Every structure is written in C-alpha cells, then in structure tokens.
Amino acid sequence: GSIIDWENDEVTHEFDSSSYVVIHVPESGMLEHEITKLDIDPKQIENLKITGYIGEDDIRYLHTAMEKTIRAINIRDVHMDNDRLPYEGFKRMDNLRHIILPKSLKTIGGKCFKDLRLISPIIIPEGVTYIEGWAFFDCDAEIVMPHTLEHIGALGFKSNKLRGELILTDNLKIIEGGAFNDASGLYGTFYM
C-alpha cells in the first residue's frame, strides 16, 4: 500500500517484516514498555505508528532500539512533551524514508532532521511557529511549509538537497543567520 493507506488505516495487522506496528502510549516515557509488551524485537519494526503521548526519552528509545532499521514513522496523532520535537530527534536514522509529524506540533528542535534522506515529503504542520537552528541541515527531502512560522533558527534550512516552496508570511518575525544557506532547491515568496 501507499503511505496514504498506511496513514489512514486504523488496523494493526499481524506482525511481519513488511507490515507496520501501531502502538498507543498512554503517557510520555512509556514507549519502550508498550513495545516490550508486544513481544516483538524492536529491531524488526520497520514501520511504526504511535498514538498517545511521547517525549524526549521515547525518541531516545527509538534511537537505541531501531535507529538503523526503522523506515517509516507516523506520529500524526501523538502529543509531544511541550509540543516540541527534541534536539537531534531523528538524526542518524539512516534508513528512515517516511515521517508524518504530530498535528499538534509547535517547535522542531535543532538538528532534528539533520542528514536524513526521505522519500516522501516532510509536511510541517500548521501551528508550528519555531524551527530551531540546524533543524534541516543537509536534509535530503521535499518540505511543505506552514503559514504559521514565526522564528527560523541559524542554519535551519541549510541544505542544497531540500526541495519545496517557501511560504514566509508576516507571522515570521525572526530569521537567524544563514537560515537558508545553500538552499537552492527552495523557492517562493515572502508575503507581507
């Protein structure tokens, strides 16, 4: 199936290497506990949909348990601690190709997508106001920007491999140094 089917499908299929696993995390910090209850080797999970609540410890667990094997992460229906993806959130996830971000997200942490090579677009949800420094540094992906950005950190989009339309509105108050260095694949207009 497609990523759309995967995003909209609510059914958890019996596990095999080509399926995806759906995990509900009732409170931040419990992702490892919930995966352990399934009696599946986390290194066998390639496609993961998480619902509920997660935080920095849960993202750290994703790195420890499946950093080199995870291919797709859907966290659309997750509530992140402080509505923020943490610093270096998905950095070093070498096989990650698809990610769906939380719809309640407000901040993308520094180096969150550094060096990633994604197949499907990163859709930054409406409501995101702050993209911290180095967030998309050397990221190879198409990005879809929200209209709600207020602050872009230093070197936030520094990558000659990023593609997509920049939507910069009068909400944007701060663009730090080098925010768009080498970003020749981004195009667009500043709306005032």
N, C-alpha and C. Protein backbone atom coordinates (compact mmCIF):
# COMPACT_ATOMS: atom_id res chain seq x y z
N GLY A 1 0.82 -1.19 0.00
CA GLY A 1 0.00 0.00 0.00
C GLY A 1 0.86 1.25 0.00
N SER A 2 0.21 2.36 -0.11
CA SER A 2 0.90 3.64 -0.12
C SER A 2 0.99 4.20 1.29
N ILE A 3 1.74 5.29 1.42
CA ILE A 3 1.86 5.95 2.73
C ILE A 3 0.49 6.49 3.15
N ILE A 4 -0.36 6.88 2.18
CA ILE A 4 -1.71 7.38 2.50
C ILE A 4 -2.52 6.25 3.13
N ASP A 5 -2.48 5.07 2.50
CA ASP A 5 -3.19 3.91 3.08
C ASP A 5 -2.69 3.66 4.50
N TRP A 6 -1.37 3.71 4.64
CA TRP A 6 -0.75 3.44 5.93
C TRP A 6 -1.19 4.46 6.97
N GLU A 7 -1.27 5.74 6.56
CA GLU A 7 -1.66 6.80 7.49
C GLU A 7 -3.11 6.64 7.92
N ASN A 8 -3.98 6.26 6.99
CA ASN A 8 -5.42 6.22 7.28
C ASN A 8 -5.89 4.89 7.85
N ASP A 9 -5.12 3.85 7.68
CA ASP A 9 -5.51 2.52 8.14
C ASP A 9 -5.40 2.43 9.65
N GLU A 10 -6.49 2.12 10.31
CA GLU A 10 -6.50 2.05 11.78
C GLU A 10 -6.20 0.64 12.30
N VAL A 11 -6.10 -0.33 11.41
CA VAL A 11 -5.97 -1.74 11.81
C VAL A 11 -4.50 -2.09 12.05
N THR A 12 -4.25 -2.80 13.12
CA THR A 12 -2.92 -3.34 13.36
C THR A 12 -2.91 -4.76 12.80
N HIS A 13 -2.07 -5.00 11.81
CA HIS A 13 -2.00 -6.32 11.20
C HIS A 13 -1.07 -7.22 11.99
N GLU A 14 -1.28 -8.53 11.83
CA GLU A 14 -0.35 -9.45 12.46
C GLU A 14 1.04 -9.13 11.95
N PHE A 15 2.01 -9.13 12.84
CA PHE A 15 3.34 -8.61 12.51
C PHE A 15 4.11 -9.51 11.57
N ASP A 16 4.65 -8.91 10.52
CA ASP A 16 5.73 -9.49 9.74
C ASP A 16 6.59 -8.32 9.25
N SER A 17 7.69 -8.61 8.60
CA SER A 17 8.67 -7.56 8.30
C SER A 17 8.14 -6.50 7.34
N SER A 18 7.07 -6.78 6.59
CA SER A 18 6.56 -5.79 5.65
C SER A 18 5.36 -5.02 6.22
N SER A 19 4.88 -5.37 7.39
CA SER A 19 3.73 -4.67 7.95
C SER A 19 4.18 -3.54 8.86
N TYR A 20 3.23 -2.86 9.44
CA TYR A 20 3.57 -1.83 10.40
C TYR A 20 2.96 -2.15 11.74
N VAL A 21 3.53 -1.56 12.77
CA VAL A 21 3.09 -1.80 14.13
C VAL A 21 2.48 -0.50 14.64
N VAL A 22 1.31 -0.62 15.27
CA VAL A 22 0.65 0.54 15.87
C VAL A 22 0.77 0.40 17.38
N ILE A 23 1.29 1.44 18.02
CA ILE A 23 1.50 1.45 19.47
C ILE A 23 0.77 2.65 20.06
N HIS A 24 -0.03 2.42 21.07
CA HIS A 24 -0.62 3.53 21.82
C HIS A 24 0.19 3.68 23.11
N VAL A 25 0.68 4.90 23.35
CA VAL A 25 1.49 5.18 24.53
C VAL A 25 0.65 6.08 25.45
N PRO A 26 0.19 5.53 26.60
CA PRO A 26 -0.73 6.29 27.45
C PRO A 26 -0.11 7.50 28.15
N GLU A 27 1.22 7.46 28.35
CA GLU A 27 1.88 8.63 28.93
C GLU A 27 3.34 8.69 28.47
N SER A 28 3.85 9.90 28.40
CA SER A 28 5.21 10.14 27.95
C SER A 28 6.19 9.29 28.76
N GLY A 29 7.17 8.71 28.05
CA GLY A 29 8.19 7.89 28.70
C GLY A 29 7.88 6.41 28.72
N MET A 30 6.74 5.99 28.16
CA MET A 30 6.34 4.59 28.24
C MET A 30 6.43 3.82 26.92
N LEU A 31 7.05 4.40 25.89
CA LEU A 31 7.12 3.72 24.60
C LEU A 31 7.82 2.37 24.70
N GLU A 32 8.96 2.35 25.36
CA GLU A 32 9.70 1.08 25.49
C GLU A 32 8.84 0.03 26.19
N HIS A 33 8.15 0.40 27.24
CA HIS A 33 7.28 -0.52 27.97
C HIS A 33 6.19 -1.09 27.05
N GLU A 34 5.58 -0.22 26.24
CA GLU A 34 4.49 -0.66 25.36
C GLU A 34 5.01 -1.58 24.26
N ILE A 35 6.18 -1.31 23.72
CA ILE A 35 6.76 -2.19 22.69
C ILE A 35 7.16 -3.52 23.30
N THR A 36 7.73 -3.49 24.51
CA THR A 36 8.12 -4.73 25.20
C THR A 36 6.91 -5.64 25.41
N LYS A 37 5.74 -5.07 25.73
CA LYS A 37 4.53 -5.86 25.94
C LYS A 37 4.11 -6.63 24.69
N LEU A 38 4.49 -6.16 23.51
CA LEU A 38 4.11 -6.82 22.26
C LEU A 38 4.95 -8.05 21.96
N ASP A 39 6.06 -8.21 22.68
CA ASP A 39 6.95 -9.34 22.47
C ASP A 39 7.46 -9.42 21.03
N ILE A 40 7.86 -8.24 20.50
CA ILE A 40 8.46 -8.15 19.17
C ILE A 40 9.85 -7.54 19.36
N ASP A 41 10.82 -8.07 18.65
CA ASP A 41 12.15 -7.47 18.66
C ASP A 41 12.04 -6.10 17.99
N PRO A 42 12.33 -5.01 18.70
CA PRO A 42 12.18 -3.68 18.11
C PRO A 42 13.01 -3.48 16.85
N LYS A 43 14.12 -4.21 16.71
CA LYS A 43 14.94 -4.08 15.51
C LYS A 43 14.25 -4.69 14.28
N GLN A 44 13.17 -5.42 14.50
CA GLN A 44 12.38 -5.98 13.40
C GLN A 44 11.28 -5.02 12.93
N ILE A 45 11.04 -3.95 13.68
CA ILE A 45 9.99 -2.98 13.33
C ILE A 45 10.55 -2.00 12.31
N GLU A 46 9.98 -2.04 11.12
CA GLU A 46 10.39 -1.11 10.07
C GLU A 46 9.43 0.06 9.94
N ASN A 47 8.15 -0.19 10.20
CA ASN A 47 7.11 0.81 10.03
C ASN A 47 6.33 0.92 11.35
N LEU A 48 6.30 2.13 11.90
CA LEU A 48 5.75 2.31 13.24
C LEU A 48 4.79 3.49 13.26
N LYS A 49 3.59 3.25 13.77
CA LYS A 49 2.63 4.32 14.03
C LYS A 49 2.45 4.40 15.54
N ILE A 50 2.64 5.60 16.08
CA ILE A 50 2.48 5.81 17.52
C ILE A 50 1.33 6.78 17.73
N THR A 51 0.49 6.47 18.73
CA THR A 51 -0.54 7.40 19.17
C THR A 51 -0.34 7.63 20.66
N GLY A 52 -0.96 8.66 21.19
CA GLY A 52 -0.86 8.93 22.62
C GLY A 52 0.12 10.04 22.92
N TYR A 53 1.02 9.77 23.87
CA TYR A 53 1.91 10.81 24.40
C TYR A 53 3.35 10.30 24.41
N ILE A 54 4.27 11.10 23.81
CA ILE A 54 5.68 10.73 23.88
C ILE A 54 6.53 11.97 24.15
N GLY A 55 7.74 11.72 24.61
CA GLY A 55 8.67 12.80 24.91
C GLY A 55 10.08 12.43 24.48
N GLU A 56 11.02 13.20 24.97
CA GLU A 56 12.41 13.04 24.60
C GLU A 56 12.94 11.64 24.93
N ASP A 57 12.56 11.07 26.06
CA ASP A 57 13.02 9.72 26.43
C ASP A 57 12.54 8.68 25.41
N ASP A 58 11.32 8.87 24.91
CA ASP A 58 10.77 7.93 23.93
C ASP A 58 11.52 8.03 22.59
N ILE A 59 11.85 9.25 22.19
CA ILE A 59 12.63 9.43 20.96
C ILE A 59 14.02 8.82 21.13
N ARG A 60 14.61 8.99 22.31
CA ARG A 60 15.91 8.38 22.60
C ARG A 60 15.81 6.86 22.49
N TYR A 61 14.71 6.29 23.00
CA TYR A 61 14.49 4.84 22.90
C TYR A 61 14.42 4.41 21.42
N LEU A 62 13.73 5.19 20.57
CA LEU A 62 13.67 4.86 19.14
C LEU A 62 15.09 4.75 18.58
N HIS A 63 15.96 5.68 18.99
CA HIS A 63 17.36 5.63 18.53
C HIS A 63 18.05 4.37 19.02
N THR A 64 17.93 4.08 20.29
CA THR A 64 18.60 2.93 20.88
C THR A 64 18.11 1.63 20.26
N ALA A 65 16.80 1.50 20.09
CA ALA A 65 16.21 0.23 19.69
C ALA A 65 16.14 0.02 18.18
N MET A 66 15.98 1.10 17.41
CA MET A 66 15.71 0.89 15.98
C MET A 66 16.30 1.96 15.06
N GLU A 67 17.32 2.65 15.52
CA GLU A 67 17.92 3.74 14.76
C GLU A 67 18.32 3.35 13.34
N LYS A 68 18.84 2.16 13.15
CA LYS A 68 19.35 1.73 11.84
C LYS A 68 18.34 0.93 11.03
N THR A 69 17.18 0.60 11.61
CA THR A 69 16.23 -0.27 10.92
C THR A 69 14.89 0.38 10.60
N ILE A 70 14.49 1.39 11.35
CA ILE A 70 13.16 1.99 11.15
C ILE A 70 13.11 2.71 9.80
N ARG A 71 12.03 2.47 9.04
CA ARG A 71 11.88 3.07 7.70
C ARG A 71 10.76 4.10 7.64
N ALA A 72 9.73 3.93 8.46
CA ALA A 72 8.59 4.85 8.41
C ALA A 72 8.06 5.06 9.83
N ILE A 73 7.82 6.33 10.17
CA ILE A 73 7.28 6.68 11.48
C ILE A 73 6.09 7.62 11.26
N ASN A 74 4.96 7.23 11.80
CA ASN A 74 3.76 8.07 11.75
C ASN A 74 3.45 8.46 13.20
N ILE A 75 3.65 9.74 13.51
CA ILE A 75 3.34 10.25 14.86
C ILE A 75 2.31 11.38 14.78
N ARG A 76 1.49 11.33 13.73
CA ARG A 76 0.48 12.37 13.50
C ARG A 76 -0.42 12.58 14.70
N ASP A 77 -0.83 11.52 15.35
CA ASP A 77 -1.78 11.61 16.46
C ASP A 77 -1.11 11.55 17.83
N VAL A 78 0.17 11.93 17.88
CA VAL A 78 0.93 11.95 19.13
C VAL A 78 0.91 13.36 19.70
N HIS A 79 0.90 13.44 21.01
CA HIS A 79 1.13 14.71 21.71
C HIS A 79 2.54 14.65 22.27
N MET A 80 3.41 15.51 21.75
CA MET A 80 4.80 15.57 22.21
C MET A 80 4.86 16.43 23.47
N ASP A 81 5.79 16.09 24.39
CA ASP A 81 6.04 16.96 25.54
C ASP A 81 6.35 18.36 25.02
N ASN A 82 5.69 19.35 25.56
CA ASN A 82 5.88 20.77 25.18
C ASN A 82 5.61 21.01 23.69
N ASP A 83 4.89 20.12 23.04
CA ASP A 83 4.59 20.23 21.60
C ASP A 83 5.85 20.47 20.77
N ARG A 84 6.96 19.80 21.15
CA ARG A 84 8.26 20.03 20.54
C ARG A 84 8.94 18.71 20.19
N LEU A 85 9.41 18.62 18.94
CA LEU A 85 10.29 17.50 18.58
C LEU A 85 11.66 17.82 19.15
N PRO A 86 12.29 16.89 19.85
CA PRO A 86 13.53 17.19 20.56
C PRO A 86 14.74 17.40 19.66
N TYR A 87 15.76 18.00 20.25
CA TYR A 87 17.07 18.20 19.63
C TYR A 87 17.57 16.86 19.11
N GLU A 88 18.05 16.85 17.87
CA GLU A 88 18.55 15.64 17.21
C GLU A 88 17.51 14.52 17.15
N GLY A 89 16.23 14.90 17.13
CA GLY A 89 15.14 13.93 17.17
C GLY A 89 15.29 12.72 16.27
N PHE A 90 15.51 12.94 14.97
CA PHE A 90 15.57 11.81 14.03
C PHE A 90 16.92 11.71 13.34
N LYS A 91 17.88 12.51 13.78
CA LYS A 91 19.23 12.47 13.24
C LYS A 91 19.80 11.05 13.40
N ARG A 92 20.57 10.60 12.42
CA ARG A 92 21.22 9.29 12.42
C ARG A 92 20.27 8.12 12.16
N MET A 93 19.01 8.38 11.86
CA MET A 93 18.11 7.29 11.48
C MET A 93 18.30 7.06 9.98
N ASP A 94 19.37 6.33 9.65
CA ASP A 94 19.85 6.23 8.28
C ASP A 94 18.86 5.62 7.30
N ASN A 95 17.97 4.76 7.75
CA ASN A 95 17.03 4.11 6.85
C ASN A 95 15.64 4.74 6.87
N LEU A 96 15.45 5.77 7.69
CA LEU A 96 14.14 6.44 7.75
C LEU A 96 13.85 7.11 6.41
N ARG A 97 12.72 6.78 5.82
CA ARG A 97 12.35 7.33 4.50
C ARG A 97 11.03 8.09 4.52
N HIS A 98 10.19 7.84 5.53
CA HIS A 98 8.87 8.48 5.61
C HIS A 98 8.64 8.92 7.06
N ILE A 99 8.12 10.15 7.23
CA ILE A 99 7.72 10.57 8.57
C ILE A 99 6.51 11.48 8.46
N ILE A 100 5.54 11.22 9.32
CA ILE A 100 4.35 12.06 9.43
C ILE A 100 4.41 12.69 10.82
N LEU A 101 4.45 14.03 10.85
CA LEU A 101 4.67 14.77 12.09
C LEU A 101 3.37 14.98 12.86
N PRO A 102 3.49 15.20 14.19
CA PRO A 102 2.30 15.44 15.02
C PRO A 102 1.54 16.68 14.58
N LYS A 103 0.22 16.55 14.49
CA LYS A 103 -0.58 17.70 14.06
C LYS A 103 -0.62 18.80 15.12
N SER A 104 -0.27 18.49 16.37
CA SER A 104 -0.28 19.50 17.44
C SER A 104 1.09 20.15 17.66
N LEU A 105 2.05 19.86 16.80
CA LEU A 105 3.43 20.33 16.95
C LEU A 105 3.53 21.86 16.88
N LYS A 106 4.41 22.43 17.72
CA LYS A 106 4.67 23.88 17.72
C LYS A 106 6.14 24.19 17.41
N THR A 107 7.07 23.30 17.82
CA THR A 107 8.51 23.56 17.67
C THR A 107 9.21 22.32 17.13
N ILE A 108 10.14 22.56 16.19
CA ILE A 108 11.01 21.50 15.70
C ILE A 108 12.40 21.79 16.24
N GLY A 109 12.92 20.86 17.03
CA GLY A 109 14.19 21.04 17.71
C GLY A 109 15.38 21.07 16.76
N GLY A 110 16.46 21.65 17.23
CA GLY A 110 17.70 21.75 16.46
C GLY A 110 18.21 20.39 16.02
N LYS A 111 18.72 20.32 14.80
CA LYS A 111 19.30 19.12 14.20
C LYS A 111 18.31 17.95 14.12
N CYS A 112 17.02 18.23 14.24
CA CYS A 112 16.01 17.17 14.28
C CYS A 112 16.05 16.27 13.04
N PHE A 113 16.21 16.87 11.86
CA PHE A 113 16.21 16.11 10.61
C PHE A 113 17.57 16.16 9.92
N LYS A 114 18.60 16.47 10.67
CA LYS A 114 19.95 16.61 10.11
C LYS A 114 20.37 15.33 9.38
N ASP A 115 20.83 15.50 8.15
CA ASP A 115 21.39 14.41 7.33
C ASP A 115 20.40 13.34 6.88
N LEU A 116 19.10 13.51 7.10
CA LEU A 116 18.15 12.48 6.67
C LEU A 116 17.95 12.52 5.16
N ARG A 117 17.59 11.36 4.59
CA ARG A 117 17.25 11.23 3.17
C ARG A 117 15.86 10.61 3.10
N LEU A 118 14.86 11.46 2.90
CA LEU A 118 13.48 10.99 2.91
C LEU A 118 12.91 10.88 1.50
N ILE A 119 12.04 9.89 1.29
CA ILE A 119 11.38 9.69 0.00
C ILE A 119 10.11 10.53 -0.07
N SER A 120 9.32 10.53 1.00
CA SER A 120 8.07 11.29 0.99
C SER A 120 8.30 12.66 1.63
N PRO A 121 7.46 13.63 1.28
CA PRO A 121 7.65 14.99 1.81
C PRO A 121 7.49 15.05 3.33
N ILE A 122 8.23 15.98 3.93
CA ILE A 122 8.01 16.32 5.33
C ILE A 122 6.99 17.45 5.32
N ILE A 123 5.80 17.17 5.80
CA ILE A 123 4.77 18.19 5.88
C ILE A 123 4.84 18.79 7.28
N ILE A 124 5.33 20.03 7.35
CA ILE A 124 5.42 20.72 8.64
C ILE A 124 4.02 21.22 8.96
N PRO A 125 3.42 20.76 10.06
CA PRO A 125 2.01 21.08 10.31
C PRO A 125 1.76 22.57 10.54
N GLU A 126 0.58 23.01 10.13
CA GLU A 126 0.12 24.35 10.51
C GLU A 126 0.13 24.40 12.03
N GLY A 127 0.58 25.48 12.58
CA GLY A 127 0.69 25.60 14.04
C GLY A 127 2.14 25.63 14.49
N VAL A 128 3.06 25.09 13.65
CA VAL A 128 4.48 25.17 14.00
C VAL A 128 4.92 26.63 13.87
N THR A 129 5.49 27.16 14.97
CA THR A 129 5.92 28.56 14.99
C THR A 129 7.44 28.71 15.01
N TYR A 130 8.17 27.67 15.46
CA TYR A 130 9.61 27.81 15.66
C TYR A 130 10.33 26.60 15.10
N ILE A 131 11.28 26.86 14.21
CA ILE A 131 12.18 25.83 13.71
C ILE A 131 13.56 26.21 14.22
N GLU A 132 14.10 25.41 15.12
CA GLU A 132 15.37 25.73 15.77
C GLU A 132 16.55 25.56 14.79
N GLY A 133 17.69 26.10 15.19
CA GLY A 133 18.90 26.06 14.36
C GLY A 133 19.29 24.66 13.95
N TRP A 134 19.77 24.57 12.71
CA TRP A 134 20.27 23.32 12.12
C TRP A 134 19.19 22.24 11.96
N ALA A 135 17.93 22.56 12.11
CA ALA A 135 16.87 21.55 12.11
C ALA A 135 16.88 20.67 10.86
N PHE A 136 17.08 21.28 9.69
CA PHE A 136 17.06 20.54 8.43
C PHE A 136 18.43 20.56 7.74
N PHE A 137 19.49 20.75 8.52
CA PHE A 137 20.85 20.84 7.98
C PHE A 137 21.19 19.60 7.17
N ASP A 138 21.55 19.79 5.91
CA ASP A 138 21.91 18.71 4.98
C ASP A 138 20.85 17.62 4.85
N CYS A 139 19.60 17.96 5.10
CA CYS A 139 18.50 17.02 4.91
C CYS A 139 18.16 16.95 3.43
N ASP A 140 17.91 15.74 2.93
CA ASP A 140 17.52 15.50 1.55
C ASP A 140 16.05 15.13 1.55
N ALA A 141 15.18 16.12 1.28
CA ALA A 141 13.74 15.87 1.33
C ALA A 141 13.00 17.03 0.68
N GLU A 142 11.77 16.74 0.30
CA GLU A 142 10.86 17.81 -0.06
C GLU A 142 10.18 18.25 1.23
N ILE A 143 10.01 19.56 1.40
CA ILE A 143 9.32 20.03 2.59
C ILE A 143 8.11 20.85 2.18
N VAL A 144 7.08 20.76 3.01
CA VAL A 144 5.87 21.56 2.84
C VAL A 144 5.78 22.44 4.08
N MET A 145 5.83 23.75 3.86
CA MET A 145 5.92 24.72 4.96
C MET A 145 4.53 25.13 5.46
N PRO A 146 4.43 25.46 6.75
CA PRO A 146 3.18 26.00 7.28
C PRO A 146 3.15 27.53 7.09
N HIS A 147 2.00 28.11 7.28
CA HIS A 147 1.84 29.57 7.22
C HIS A 147 2.10 30.22 8.58
N THR A 148 2.38 29.41 9.59
CA THR A 148 2.40 29.89 10.98
C THR A 148 3.79 30.18 11.53
N LEU A 149 4.85 29.98 10.72
CA LEU A 149 6.22 30.17 11.22
C LEU A 149 6.45 31.60 11.72
N GLU A 150 7.08 31.69 12.89
CA GLU A 150 7.45 32.98 13.47
C GLU A 150 8.96 33.14 13.61
N HIS A 151 9.69 32.01 13.72
CA HIS A 151 11.12 32.07 14.03
C HIS A 151 11.82 30.90 13.35
N ILE A 152 12.87 31.22 12.57
CA ILE A 152 13.70 30.19 11.97
C ILE A 152 15.11 30.38 12.50
N GLY A 153 15.65 29.36 13.13
CA GLY A 153 16.97 29.42 13.74
C GLY A 153 18.10 29.40 12.73
N ALA A 154 19.30 29.72 13.21
CA ALA A 154 20.51 29.77 12.38
C ALA A 154 20.71 28.45 11.64
N LEU A 155 20.98 28.54 10.36
CA LEU A 155 21.24 27.38 9.50
C LEU A 155 20.08 26.39 9.50
N GLY A 156 18.89 26.84 9.85
CA GLY A 156 17.72 25.97 9.97
C GLY A 156 17.42 25.13 8.75
N PHE A 157 17.55 25.74 7.56
CA PHE A 157 17.26 25.04 6.30
C PHE A 157 18.51 24.96 5.42
N LYS A 158 19.70 24.93 6.01
CA LYS A 158 20.94 24.88 5.22
C LYS A 158 21.09 23.49 4.62
N SER A 159 20.74 23.40 3.34
CA SER A 159 20.88 22.13 2.63
C SER A 159 20.64 22.38 1.15
N ASN A 160 21.53 21.91 0.30
CA ASN A 160 21.29 22.02 -1.13
C ASN A 160 20.44 20.86 -1.64
N LYS A 161 19.96 20.02 -0.73
CA LYS A 161 19.15 18.86 -1.11
C LYS A 161 17.68 19.03 -0.72
N LEU A 162 17.34 20.15 -0.04
CA LEU A 162 15.94 20.42 0.30
C LEU A 162 15.22 20.94 -0.93
N ARG A 163 13.96 20.54 -1.07
CA ARG A 163 13.13 21.00 -2.17
C ARG A 163 11.79 21.43 -1.63
N GLY A 164 11.19 22.42 -2.26
CA GLY A 164 9.84 22.82 -1.88
C GLY A 164 9.64 24.31 -1.93
N GLU A 165 8.38 24.70 -1.76
CA GLU A 165 8.01 26.10 -1.81
C GLU A 165 8.08 26.71 -0.42
N LEU A 166 8.79 27.83 -0.33
CA LEU A 166 8.84 28.57 0.92
C LEU A 166 7.57 29.40 1.05
N ILE A 167 6.92 29.28 2.18
CA ILE A 167 5.77 30.14 2.47
C ILE A 167 6.16 30.95 3.69
N LEU A 168 6.57 32.18 3.44
CA LEU A 168 7.00 33.06 4.52
C LEU A 168 6.00 34.20 4.62
N THR A 169 5.25 34.24 5.71
CA THR A 169 4.20 35.23 5.87
C THR A 169 4.64 36.33 6.84
N ASP A 170 3.77 37.27 7.06
CA ASP A 170 4.09 38.35 8.01
C ASP A 170 4.08 37.87 9.46
N ASN A 171 3.75 36.58 9.69
CA ASN A 171 3.92 36.00 11.03
C ASN A 171 5.39 35.86 11.38
N LEU A 172 6.23 35.71 10.35
CA LEU A 172 7.66 35.46 10.55
C LEU A 172 8.35 36.72 11.07
N LYS A 173 8.87 36.63 12.29
CA LYS A 173 9.49 37.78 12.96
C LYS A 173 11.01 37.68 12.99
N ILE A 174 11.56 36.45 13.05
CA ILE A 174 13.00 36.27 13.22
C ILE A 174 13.50 35.22 12.22
N ILE A 175 14.51 35.62 11.43
CA ILE A 175 15.25 34.68 10.59
C ILE A 175 16.71 34.84 10.99
N GLU A 176 17.26 33.83 11.66
CA GLU A 176 18.64 33.91 12.14
C GLU A 176 19.63 33.66 11.00
N GLY A 177 20.88 33.99 11.25
CA GLY A 177 21.94 33.94 10.25
C GLY A 177 22.06 32.61 9.53
N GLY A 178 22.17 32.69 8.20
CA GLY A 178 22.39 31.50 7.39
C GLY A 178 21.21 30.56 7.32
N ALA A 179 20.02 31.00 7.70
CA ALA A 179 18.86 30.11 7.76
C ALA A 179 18.61 29.36 6.46
N PHE A 180 18.92 30.02 5.33
CA PHE A 180 18.67 29.39 4.03
C PHE A 180 19.95 29.21 3.21
N ASN A 181 21.12 29.16 3.85
CA ASN A 181 22.38 28.95 3.13
C ASN A 181 22.30 27.68 2.29
N ASP A 182 22.75 27.76 1.06
CA ASP A 182 22.81 26.62 0.14
C ASP A 182 21.45 26.03 -0.23
N ALA A 183 20.36 26.67 0.16
CA ALA A 183 19.03 26.09 -0.04
C ALA A 183 18.48 26.43 -1.42
N SER A 184 19.23 26.05 -2.45
CA SER A 184 18.86 26.41 -3.82
C SER A 184 17.62 25.67 -4.33
N GLY A 185 17.22 24.61 -3.66
CA GLY A 185 16.02 23.87 -4.06
C GLY A 185 14.74 24.42 -3.47
N LEU A 186 14.85 25.44 -2.63
CA LEU A 186 13.66 26.08 -2.06
C LEU A 186 13.36 27.34 -2.87
N TYR A 187 12.09 27.59 -3.08
CA TYR A 187 11.67 28.76 -3.84
C TYR A 187 10.42 29.33 -3.19
N GLY A 188 10.05 30.55 -3.53
CA GLY A 188 8.81 31.07 -3.00
C GLY A 188 8.83 32.57 -2.85
N THR A 189 7.85 33.04 -2.09
CA THR A 189 7.59 34.46 -1.92
C THR A 189 7.41 34.78 -0.46
N PHE A 190 7.85 35.98 -0.10
CA PHE A 190 7.61 36.46 1.26
C PHE A 190 6.35 37.30 1.23
N TYR A 191 5.32 36.88 1.94
CA TYR A 191 4.03 37.59 1.95
C TYR A 191 4.00 38.54 3.13
N MET A 192 3.74 39.81 2.85
CA MET A 192 3.66 40.81 3.93
C MET A 192 2.33 41.52 3.91
